[in-house]
PDB file of N, CA and C in Angstrom:
ATOM      1  N   PRO A   1      33.842  41.628 -93.982  1.00  0.00           N
ATOM      2  CA  PRO A   1      33.471  40.235 -93.548  1.00  0.00           C
ATOM      3  C   PRO A   1      33.967  39.396 -94.394  1.00  0.00           C
ATOM      4  N   TYR A   2      33.967  39.513 -95.762  1.00  0.00           N
ATOM      5  CA  TYR A   2      34.388  38.758 -96.767  1.00  0.00           C
ATOM      6  C   TYR A   2      35.828  38.273 -97.081  1.00  0.00           C
ATOM      7  N   ARG A   3      36.150  37.021 -96.676  1.00  0.00           N
ATOM      8  CA  ARG A   3      37.477  36.434 -97.123  1.00  0.00           C
ATOM      9  C   ARG A   3      37.331  35.491 -98.399  1.00  0.00           C
ATOM     10  N   VAL A   4      38.683  35.178 -98.916  1.00  0.00           N
ATOM     11  CA  VAL A   4      39.037  34.431 -99.801  1.00  0.00           C
ATOM     12  C   VAL A   4      38.458  33.169 -99.493  1.00  0.00           C
ATOM     13  N   ALA A   5      39.315  32.836 -98.189  1.00  0.00           N
ATOM     14  CA  ALA A   5      39.396  31.626 -97.704  1.00  0.00           C
ATOM     15  C   ALA A   5      37.781  31.058 -97.360  1.00  0.00           C
ATOM     16  N   ASP A   6      36.991  31.789 -97.373  1.00  0.00           N
ATOM     17  CA  ASP A   6      35.610  31.417 -97.104  1.00  0.00           C
ATOM     18  C   ASP A   6      34.903  31.322 -98.516  1.00  0.00           C
ATOM     19  N   ALA A   7      35.312  31.415 -99.466  1.00  0.00           N
ATOM     20  CA  ALA A   7      34.855  31.346-100.759  1.00  0.00           C
ATOM     21  C   ALA A   7      34.419  29.868-100.786  1.00  0.00           C
ATOM     22  N   VAL A   8      33.141  29.734-101.841  1.00  0.00           N
ATOM     23  CA  VAL A   8      32.730  28.177-102.303  1.00  0.00           C
ATOM     24  C   VAL A   8      33.415  27.971-103.550  1.00  0.00           C
ATOM     25  N   SER A   9      33.789  27.039-104.002  1.00  0.00           N
ATOM     26  CA  SER A   9      34.102  26.865-105.325  1.00  0.00           C
ATOM     27  C   SER A   9      32.991  26.507-106.172  1.00  0.00           C
ATOM     28  N   LEU A  10      33.557  26.803-107.370  1.00  0.00           N
ATOM     29  CA  LEU A  10      32.636  26.605-108.665  1.00  0.00           C
ATOM     30  C   LEU A  10      31.695  25.270-108.618  1.00  0.00           C
ATOM     31  N   SER A  11      32.914  24.065-108.641  1.00  0.00           N
ATOM     32  CA  SER A  11      32.312  22.662-108.644  1.00  0.00           C
ATOM     33  C   SER A  11      31.283  22.817-107.412  1.00  0.00           C
ATOM     34  N   ASP A  12      31.611  23.066-106.355  1.00  0.00           N
ATOM     35  CA  ASP A  12      30.987  22.930-104.874  1.00  0.00           C
ATOM     36  C   ASP A  12      29.572  23.802-105.276  1.00  0.00           C
ATOM     37  N   LEU A  13      29.480  24.686-105.972  1.00  0.00           N
ATOM     38  CA  LEU A  13      28.364  25.884-106.475  1.00  0.00           C
ATOM     39  C   LEU A  13      27.420  24.595-107.181  1.00  0.00           C
ATOM     40  N   GLN A  14      28.530  23.868-108.212  1.00  0.00           N
ATOM     41  CA  GLN A  14      27.464  23.312-109.475  1.00  0.00           C
ATOM     42  C   GLN A  14      27.007  21.965-108.859  1.00  0.00           C
ATOM     43  N   ASP A  15      27.301  21.288-107.925  1.00  0.00           N
ATOM     44  CA  ASP A  15      27.016  20.360-107.291  1.00  0.00           C
ATOM     45  C   ASP A  15      26.118  20.712-106.028  1.00  0.00           C
ATOM     46  N   ARG A  16      25.820  21.990-106.223  1.00  0.00           N
ATOM     47  CA  ARG A  16      24.993  22.345-105.079  1.00  0.00           C
ATOM     48  C   ARG A  16      25.418  21.834-103.433  1.00  0.00           C
ATOM     49  N   LYS A  17      26.933  21.832-103.307  1.00  0.00           N
ATOM     50  CA  LYS A  17      27.510  21.821-102.062  1.00  0.00           C
ATOM     51  C   LYS A  17      27.889  22.947-101.209  1.00  0.00           C
ATOM     52  N   ILE A  18      27.129  23.610-100.644  1.00  0.00           N
ATOM     53  CA  ILE A  18      27.161  25.006-100.220  1.00  0.00           C
ATOM     54  C   ILE A  18      27.265  24.711 -98.618  1.00  0.00           C
ATOM     55  N   PRO A  19      28.345  25.215 -97.941  1.00  0.00           N
ATOM     56  CA  PRO A  19      28.320  24.731 -96.446  1.00  0.00           C
ATOM     57  C   PRO A  19      27.244  25.926 -95.784  1.00  0.00           C
ATOM     58  N   ALA A  20      26.772  25.682 -94.837  1.00  0.00           N
ATOM     59  CA  ALA A  20      25.922  26.587 -94.001  1.00  0.00           C
ATOM     60  C   ALA A  20      26.686  28.013 -93.762  1.00  0.00           C
ATOM     61  N   ALA A  21      27.871  27.791 -93.298  1.00  0.00           N
ATOM     62  CA  ALA A  21      28.806  28.848 -93.098  1.00  0.00           C
ATOM     63  C   ALA A  21      28.902  30.084 -94.357  1.00  0.00           C
ATOM     64  N   ALA A  22      28.643  29.633 -95.626  1.00  0.00           N
ATOM     65  CA  ALA A  22      28.790  30.371 -96.332  1.00  0.00           C
ATOM     66  C   ALA A  22      27.241  31.216 -97.076  1.00  0.00           C
ATOM     67  N   SER A  23      26.591  30.642 -96.201  1.00  0.00           N
ATOM     68  CA  SER A  23      25.266  31.508 -96.338  1.00  0.00           C
ATOM     69  C   SER A  23      25.470  33.064 -95.315  1.00  0.00           C
ATOM     70  N   LEU A  24      24.923  34.306 -95.858  1.00  0.00           N
ATOM     71  CA  LEU A  24      25.078  35.116 -94.853  1.00  0.00           C
ATOM     72  C   LEU A  24      23.571  35.531 -94.672  1.00  0.00           C
ATOM     73  N   SER A  25      23.327  35.839 -93.443  1.00  0.00           N
ATOM     74  CA  SER A  25      21.879  36.523 -92.920  1.00  0.00           C
ATOM     75  C   SER A  25      21.936  37.630 -93.592  1.00  0.00           C
ATOM     76  N   ALA A  26      20.843  38.303 -94.019  1.00  0.00           N
ATOM     77  CA  ALA A  26      20.347  39.365 -94.251  1.00  0.00           C
ATOM     78  C   ALA A  26      21.135  40.551 -93.669  1.00  0.00           C
ATOM     79  N   ALA A  27      20.937  40.566 -92.415  1.00  0.00           N
ATOM     80  CA  ALA A  27      21.592  41.426 -91.248  1.00  0.00           C
ATOM     81  C   ALA A  27      23.120  41.271 -91.243  1.00  0.00           C
ATOM     82  N   ARG A  28      23.838  40.051 -91.468  1.00  0.00           N
ATOM     83  CA  ARG A  28      25.292  40.008 -91.614  1.00  0.00           C
ATOM     84  C   ARG A  28      25.838  40.470 -92.996  1.00  0.00           C
ATOM     85  N   SER A  29      24.921  40.678 -93.806  1.00  0.00           N
ATOM     86  CA  SER A  29      25.226  41.178 -95.198  1.00  0.00           C
ATOM     87  C   SER A  29      25.463  42.734 -95.289  1.00  0.00           C
ATOM     88  N   LEU A  30      24.882  43.033 -94.451  1.00  0.00           N
ATOM     89  CA  LEU A  30      24.684  44.443 -94.167  1.00  0.00           C
ATOM     90  C   LEU A  30      25.619  45.050 -93.100  1.00  0.00           C
ATOM     91  N   SER A  31      26.077  44.267 -92.197  1.00  0.00           N
ATOM     92  CA  SER A  31      27.024  44.833 -90.726  1.00  0.00           C
ATOM     93  C   SER A  31      27.991  45.821 -91.243  1.00  0.00           C
ATOM     94  N   TRP A  32      28.055  46.268 -92.586  1.00  0.00           N
ATOM     95  CA  TRP A  32      29.033  47.364 -92.669  1.00  0.00           C
ATOM     96  C   TRP A  32      28.530  48.716 -92.357  1.00  0.00           C
ATOM     97  N   LEU A  33      26.890  48.761 -92.132  1.00  0.00           N
ATOM     98  CA  LEU A  33      26.279  50.100 -92.022  1.00  0.00           C
ATOM     99  C   LEU A  33      26.245  50.147 -90.455  1.00  0.00           C
ATOM    100  N   PRO A  34      26.040  51.354 -90.031  1.00  0.00           N
ATOM    101  CA  PRO A  34      25.718  51.158 -88.611  1.00  0.00           C
ATOM    102  C   PRO A  34      24.538  50.366 -88.417  1.00  0.00           C
ATOM    103  N   ILE A  35      24.349  49.892 -87.035  1.00  0.00           N
ATOM    104  CA  ILE A  35      23.171  49.147 -87.011  1.00  0.00           C
ATOM    105  C   ILE A  35      22.512  49.743 -85.726  1.00  0.00           C
ATOM    106  N   ARG A  36      21.264  50.136 -85.596  1.00  0.00           N
ATOM    107  CA  ARG A  36      20.277  50.361 -84.892  1.00  0.00           C
ATOM    108  C   ARG A  36      19.330  49.006 -84.189  1.00  0.00           C
ATOM    109  N   ARG A  37      19.627  48.500 -82.917  1.00  0.00           N
ATOM    110  CA  ARG A  37      19.234  47.247 -82.328  1.00  0.00           C
ATOM    111  C   ARG A  37      17.592  47.909 -81.889  1.00  0.00           C
ATOM    112  N   LEU A  38      16.740  47.137 -82.290  1.00  0.00           N
ATOM    113  CA  LEU A  38      15.566  47.437 -81.969  1.00  0.00           C
ATOM    114  C   LEU A  38      14.879  46.519 -80.690  1.00  0.00           C
ATOM    115  N   SER A  39      14.086  47.343 -80.131  1.00  0.00           N
ATOM    116  CA  SER A  39      13.253  46.586 -79.045  1.00  0.00           C
ATOM    117  C   SER A  39      11.774  46.024 -79.679  1.00  0.00           C
ATOM    118  N   PRO A  40      11.015  45.136 -79.007  1.00  0.00           N
ATOM    119  CA  PRO A  40       9.899  44.676 -79.537  1.00  0.00           C
ATOM    120  C   PRO A  40       9.172  45.702 -79.997  1.00  0.00           C
ATOM    121  N   SER A  41       8.654  46.678 -79.019  1.00  0.00           N
ATOM    122  CA  SER A  41       7.765  47.765 -79.739  1.00  0.00           C
ATOM    123  C   SER A  41       8.111  48.610 -80.788  1.00  0.00           C
ATOM    124  N   GLU A  42       9.851  48.955 -81.089  1.00  0.00           N
ATOM    125  CA  GLU A  42      10.108  49.803 -81.759  1.00  0.00           C
ATOM    126  C   GLU A  42       9.875  48.605 -83.310  1.00  0.00           C
ATOM    127  N   VAL A  43      10.192  47.428 -83.371  1.00  0.00           N
ATOM    128  CA  VAL A  43       9.607  46.502 -84.526  1.00  0.00           C
ATOM    129  C   VAL A  43       8.572  46.745 -85.038  1.00  0.00           C
ATOM    130  N   GLU A  44       7.848  47.069 -84.226  1.00  0.00           N
ATOM    131  CA  GLU A  44       6.247  47.097 -84.736  1.00  0.00           C
ATOM    132  C   GLU A  44       5.871  48.490 -85.234  1.00  0.00           C
ATOM    133  N   GLU A  45       6.962  49.510 -84.464  1.00  0.00           N
ATOM    134  CA  GLU A  45       6.723  51.049 -85.072  1.00  0.00           C
ATOM    135  C   GLU A  45       7.214  50.855 -86.585  1.00  0.00           C
ATOM    136  N   VAL A  46       8.426  50.267 -86.738  1.00  0.00           N
ATOM    137  CA  VAL A  46       9.194  50.253 -88.073  1.00  0.00           C
ATOM    138  C   VAL A  46       7.966  49.650 -89.084  1.00  0.00           C
ATOM    139  N   GLU A  47       7.718  48.405 -88.623  1.00  0.00           N
ATOM    140  CA  GLU A  47       7.115  47.826 -89.520  1.00  0.00           C
ATOM    141  C   GLU A  47       5.638  48.174 -89.909  1.00  0.00           C
ATOM    142  N   HIS A  48       5.385  49.372 -89.344  1.00  0.00           N
ATOM    143  CA  HIS A  48       4.288  50.127 -89.933  1.00  0.00           C
ATOM    144  C   HIS A  48       4.966  51.677 -90.581  1.00  0.00           C
ATOM    145  N   GLY A  49       6.171  51.827 -90.769  1.00  0.00           N
ATOM    146  CA  GLY A  49       6.847  52.696 -91.461  1.00  0.00           C
ATOM    147  C   GLY A  49       6.961  53.832 -90.460  1.00  0.00           C
ATOM    148  N   ARG A  50       6.658  54.083 -89.322  1.00  0.00           N
ATOM    149  CA  ARG A  50       6.815  54.876 -88.498  1.00  0.00           C
ATOM    150  C   ARG A  50       8.672  55.531 -88.149  1.00  0.00           C
ATOM    151  N   ARG A  51       8.789  56.264 -87.680  1.00  0.00           N
ATOM    152  CA  ARG A  51       9.962  56.848 -87.299  1.00  0.00           C
ATOM    153  C   ARG A  51      10.182  56.271 -85.853  1.00  0.00           C
ATOM    154  N   ILE A  52      11.565  56.088 -85.599  1.00  0.00           N
ATOM    155  CA  ILE A  52      11.998  55.893 -84.542  1.00  0.00           C
ATOM    156  C   ILE A  52      13.224  56.956 -83.771  1.00  0.00           C
ATOM    157  N   PRO A  53      13.659  57.022 -82.677  1.00  0.00           N
ATOM    158  CA  PRO A  53      14.808  57.558 -82.365  1.00  0.00           C
ATOM    159  C   PRO A  53      15.859  57.434 -82.868  1.00  0.00           C
ATOM    160  N   GLU A  54      16.825  58.082 -83.106  1.00  0.00           N
ATOM    161  CA  GLU A  54      17.988  57.557 -83.701  1.00  0.00           C
ATOM    162  C   GLU A  54      18.881  57.278 -82.626  1.00  0.00           C
ATOM    163  N   ARG A  55      19.213  57.899 -81.451  1.00  0.00           N
ATOM    164  CA  ARG A  55      20.368  57.158 -80.256  1.00  0.00           C
ATOM    165  C   ARG A  55      21.414  57.509 -80.587  1.00  0.00           C
ATOM    166  N   GLY A  56      21.737  58.423 -81.613  1.00  0.00           N
ATOM    167  CA  GLY A  56      23.049  58.896 -81.887  1.00  0.00           C
ATOM    168  C   GLY A  56      24.367  57.828 -82.503  1.00  0.00           C
ATOM    169  N   PHE A  57      24.265  58.314 -83.840  1.00  0.00           N
ATOM    170  CA  PHE A  57      25.526  56.994 -84.315  1.00  0.00           C
ATOM    171  C   PHE A  57      26.518  58.197 -84.937  1.00  0.00           C
ATOM    172  N   ALA A  58      27.781  57.747 -84.817  1.00  0.00           N
ATOM    173  CA  ALA A  58      29.259  58.305 -85.018  1.00  0.00           C
ATOM    174  C   ALA A  58      29.149  57.822 -86.752  1.00  0.00           C
ATOM    175  N   GLY A  59      30.173  58.763 -87.332  1.00  0.00           N
ATOM    176  CA  GLY A  59      30.510  58.404 -88.832  1.00  0.00           C
ATOM    177  C   GLY A  59      29.387  59.354 -89.702  1.00  0.00           C
ATOM    178  N   ASP A  60      29.535  58.742 -90.881  1.00  0.00           N
ATOM    179  CA  ASP A  60      28.601  59.235 -92.443  1.00  0.00           C
ATOM    180  C   ASP A  60      27.255  59.263 -91.825  1.00  0.00           C
ATOM    181  N   PRO A  61      27.056  60.572 -91.428  1.00  0.00           N
ATOM    182  CA  PRO A  61      25.565  60.824 -91.632  1.00  0.00           C
ATOM    183  C   PRO A  61      24.557  60.477 -92.635  1.00  0.00           C
ATOM    184  N   ASP A  62      25.411  60.479 -93.731  1.00  0.00           N
ATOM    185  CA  ASP A  62      24.478  59.931 -94.958  1.00  0.00           C
ATOM    186  C   ASP A  62      24.233  58.790 -95.461  1.00  0.00           C
ATOM    187  N   LEU A  63      25.142  57.660 -94.566  1.00  0.00           N
ATOM    188  CA  LEU A  63      24.871  56.251 -94.616  1.00  0.00           C
ATOM    189  C   LEU A  63      23.289  55.693 -94.243  1.00  0.00           C
ATOM    190  N   PRO A  64      23.133  54.676 -94.666  1.00  0.00           N
ATOM    191  CA  PRO A  64      21.662  54.762 -94.384  1.00  0.00           C
ATOM    192  C   PRO A  64      21.928  53.323 -92.993  1.00  0.00           C
ATOM    193  N   VAL A  65      21.153  53.338 -92.255  1.00  0.00           N
ATOM    194  CA  VAL A  65      21.102  52.141 -90.677  1.00  0.00           C
ATOM    195  C   VAL A  65      20.063  51.414 -91.007  1.00  0.00           C
ATOM    196  N   ALA A  66      21.453  49.859 -90.624  1.00  0.00           N
ATOM    197  CA  ALA A  66      20.132  48.582 -90.414  1.00  0.00           C
ATOM    198  C   ALA A  66      19.564  48.813 -89.276  1.00  0.00           C
ATOM    199  N   MET A  67      18.304  48.289 -89.358  1.00  0.00           N
ATOM    200  CA  MET A  67      17.611  48.268 -87.876  1.00  0.00           C
ATOM    201  C   MET A  67      17.464  46.757 -87.646  1.00  0.00           C
ATOM    202  N   VAL A  68      17.887  46.317 -86.763  1.00  0.00           N
ATOM    203  CA  VAL A  68      18.080  45.008 -86.224  1.00  0.00           C
ATOM    204  C   VAL A  68      17.407  44.181 -85.037  1.00  0.00           C
ATOM    205  N   ALA A  69      16.440  43.288 -85.052  1.00  0.00           N
ATOM    206  CA  ALA A  69      15.968  42.828 -83.992  1.00  0.00           C
ATOM    207  C   ALA A  69      16.533  41.559 -83.658  1.00  0.00           C
ATOM    208  N   GLY A  70      17.641  41.011 -82.954  1.00  0.00           N
ATOM    209  CA  GLY A  70      17.965  39.730 -82.264  1.00  0.00           C
ATOM    210  C   GLY A  70      18.781  39.539 -84.142  1.00  0.00           C
ATOM    211  N   ASP A  71      18.559  38.575 -84.468  1.00  0.00           N
ATOM    212  CA  ASP A  71      19.625  38.098 -85.731  1.00  0.00           C
ATOM    213  C   ASP A  71      18.736  38.651 -87.038  1.00  0.00           C
ATOM    214  N   ARG A  72      17.860  39.154 -87.181  1.00  0.00           N
ATOM    215  CA  ARG A  72      16.336  39.337 -87.990  1.00  0.00           C
ATOM    216  C   ARG A  72      16.666  41.077 -88.437  1.00  0.00           C
ATOM    217  N   LEU A  73      16.845  41.090 -89.600  1.00  0.00           N
ATOM    218  CA  LEU A  73      16.948  42.375 -90.484  1.00  0.00           C
ATOM    219  C   LEU A  73      15.668  42.704 -90.804  1.00  0.00           C
ATOM    220  N   VAL A  74      15.217  44.060 -89.963  1.00  0.00           N
ATOM    221  CA  VAL A  74      13.697  44.416 -89.936  1.00  0.00           C
ATOM    222  C   VAL A  74      13.558  45.311 -91.004  1.00  0.00           C
ATOM    223  N   GLY A  75      14.698  46.353 -91.401  1.00  0.00           N
ATOM    224  CA  GLY A  75      14.616  47.217 -92.223  1.00  0.00           C
ATOM    225  C   GLY A  75      16.048  47.866 -92.428  1.00  0.00           C
ATOM    226  N   VAL A  76      15.805  49.313 -93.154  1.00  0.00           N
ATOM    227  CA  VAL A  76      17.010  50.096 -93.590  1.00  0.00           C
ATOM    228  C   VAL A  76      16.230  51.149 -93.471  1.00  0.00           C
ATOM    229  N   ALA A  77      16.870  51.974 -92.776  1.00  0.00           N
ATOM    230  CA  ALA A  77      16.595  53.351 -92.562  1.00  0.00           C
ATOM    231  C   ALA A  77      17.274  54.713 -92.817  1.00  0.00           C
ATOM    232  N   ARG A  78      16.868  55.960 -93.457  1.00  0.00           N
ATOM    233  CA  ARG A  78      17.876  56.850 -93.426  1.00  0.00           C
ATOM    234  C   ARG A  78      17.800  57.623 -92.158  1.00  0.00           C
ATOM    235  N   ARG A  79      18.435  58.703 -91.956  1.00  0.00           N
ATOM    236  CA  ARG A  79      18.572  59.790 -90.775  1.00  0.00           C
ATOM    237  C   ARG A  79      17.808  60.879 -91.050  1.00  0.00           C
ATOM    238  N   ASP A  80      16.877  61.600 -90.602  1.00  0.00           N
ATOM    239  CA  ASP A  80      16.219  62.611 -90.317  1.00  0.00           C
ATOM    240  C   ASP A  80      16.280  63.288 -89.275  1.00  0.00           C
ATOM    241  N   SER A  81      17.227  64.293 -89.216  1.00  0.00           N
ATOM    242  CA  SER A  81      17.756  65.191 -87.682  1.00  0.00           C
ATOM    243  C   SER A  81      17.915  63.786 -86.893  1.00  0.00           C
ATOM    244  N   ASP A  82      17.165  64.059 -85.490  1.00  0.00           N
ATOM    245  CA  ASP A  82      17.351  63.126 -84.531  1.00  0.00           C
ATOM    246  C   ASP A  82      16.472  61.771 -84.568  1.00  0.00           C
ATOM    247  N   LEU A  83      15.819  61.602 -85.881  1.00  0.00           N
ATOM    248  CA  LEU A  83      14.805  60.344 -86.090  1.00  0.00           C
ATOM    249  C   LEU A  83      15.411  59.403 -87.339  1.00  0.00           C
ATOM    250  N   LEU A  84      14.894  58.507 -87.140  1.00  0.00           N
ATOM    251  CA  LEU A  84      15.115  57.225 -88.143  1.00  0.00           C
ATOM    252  C   LEU A  84      13.913  57.036 -89.189  1.00  0.00           C
ATOM    253  N   GLN A  85      14.055  57.568 -90.417  1.00  0.00           N
ATOM    254  CA  GLN A  85      12.879  57.114 -91.138  1.00  0.00           C
ATOM    255  C   GLN A  85      12.671  55.700 -92.121  1.00  0.00           C
ATOM    256  N   PRO A  86      12.045  55.103 -91.442  1.00  0.00           N
ATOM    257  CA  PRO A  86      12.236  53.385 -92.528  1.00  0.00           C
ATOM    258  C   PRO A  86      12.132  53.700 -93.803  1.00  0.00           C
ATOM    259  N   GLU A  87      13.155  53.258 -94.722  1.00  0.00           N
ATOM    260  CA  GLU A  87      13.012  53.244 -96.379  1.00  0.00           C
ATOM    261  C   GLU A  87      12.310  52.092 -96.819  1.00  0.00           C
ATOM    262  N   LYS A  88      12.977  50.583 -96.055  1.00  0.00           N
ATOM    263  CA  LYS A  88      12.980  49.346 -96.625  1.00  0.00           C
ATOM    264  C   LYS A  88      12.628  48.587 -95.608  1.00  0.00           C
ATOM    265  N   VAL A  89      11.686  48.024 -95.341  1.00  0.00           N
ATOM    266  CA  VAL A  89      10.898  47.064 -94.069  1.00  0.00           C
ATOM    267  C   VAL A  89      10.957  45.808 -94.462  1.00  0.00           C
ATOM    268  N   PHE A  90      11.197  44.858 -93.889  1.00  0.00           N
ATOM    269  CA  PHE A  90      11.459  43.252 -94.354  1.00  0.00           C
ATOM    270  C   PHE A  90      10.545  42.775 -92.977  1.00  0.00           C
ATOM    271  N   HIS A  91       9.202  42.395 -93.427  1.00  0.00           N
ATOM    272  CA  HIS A  91       8.562  41.833 -92.498  1.00  0.00           C
ATOM    273  C   HIS A  91       8.899  40.374 -91.911  1.00  0.00           C
ATOM    274  N   GLY A  92       8.842  40.342 -90.882  1.00  0.00           N
ATOM    275  CA  GLY A  92       9.162  38.651 -90.529  1.00  0.00           C
ATOM    276  C   GLY A  92       8.155  37.646 -90.535  1.00  0.00           C
TER     277      GLY A  92
END
């Protein structure tokens, strides 16, 4: 997701001329992780540290999973059998 063409020059950084496109949301910055989209009720569960169903992910089972609601990063979880255990939660 990162390209040299999208980089901000040092002089623009020093002058605080940072285009909005150069800023990444937390959810987008973790887009390389498997993503689990959450329903409103699941957001509440995750915000209280409760496990939610995994819903089957392909790939490396040791990778954490980004839990997202809309464009918001709600948390990052580890897989525990067929459940996701929130490890880091970001209250919105």
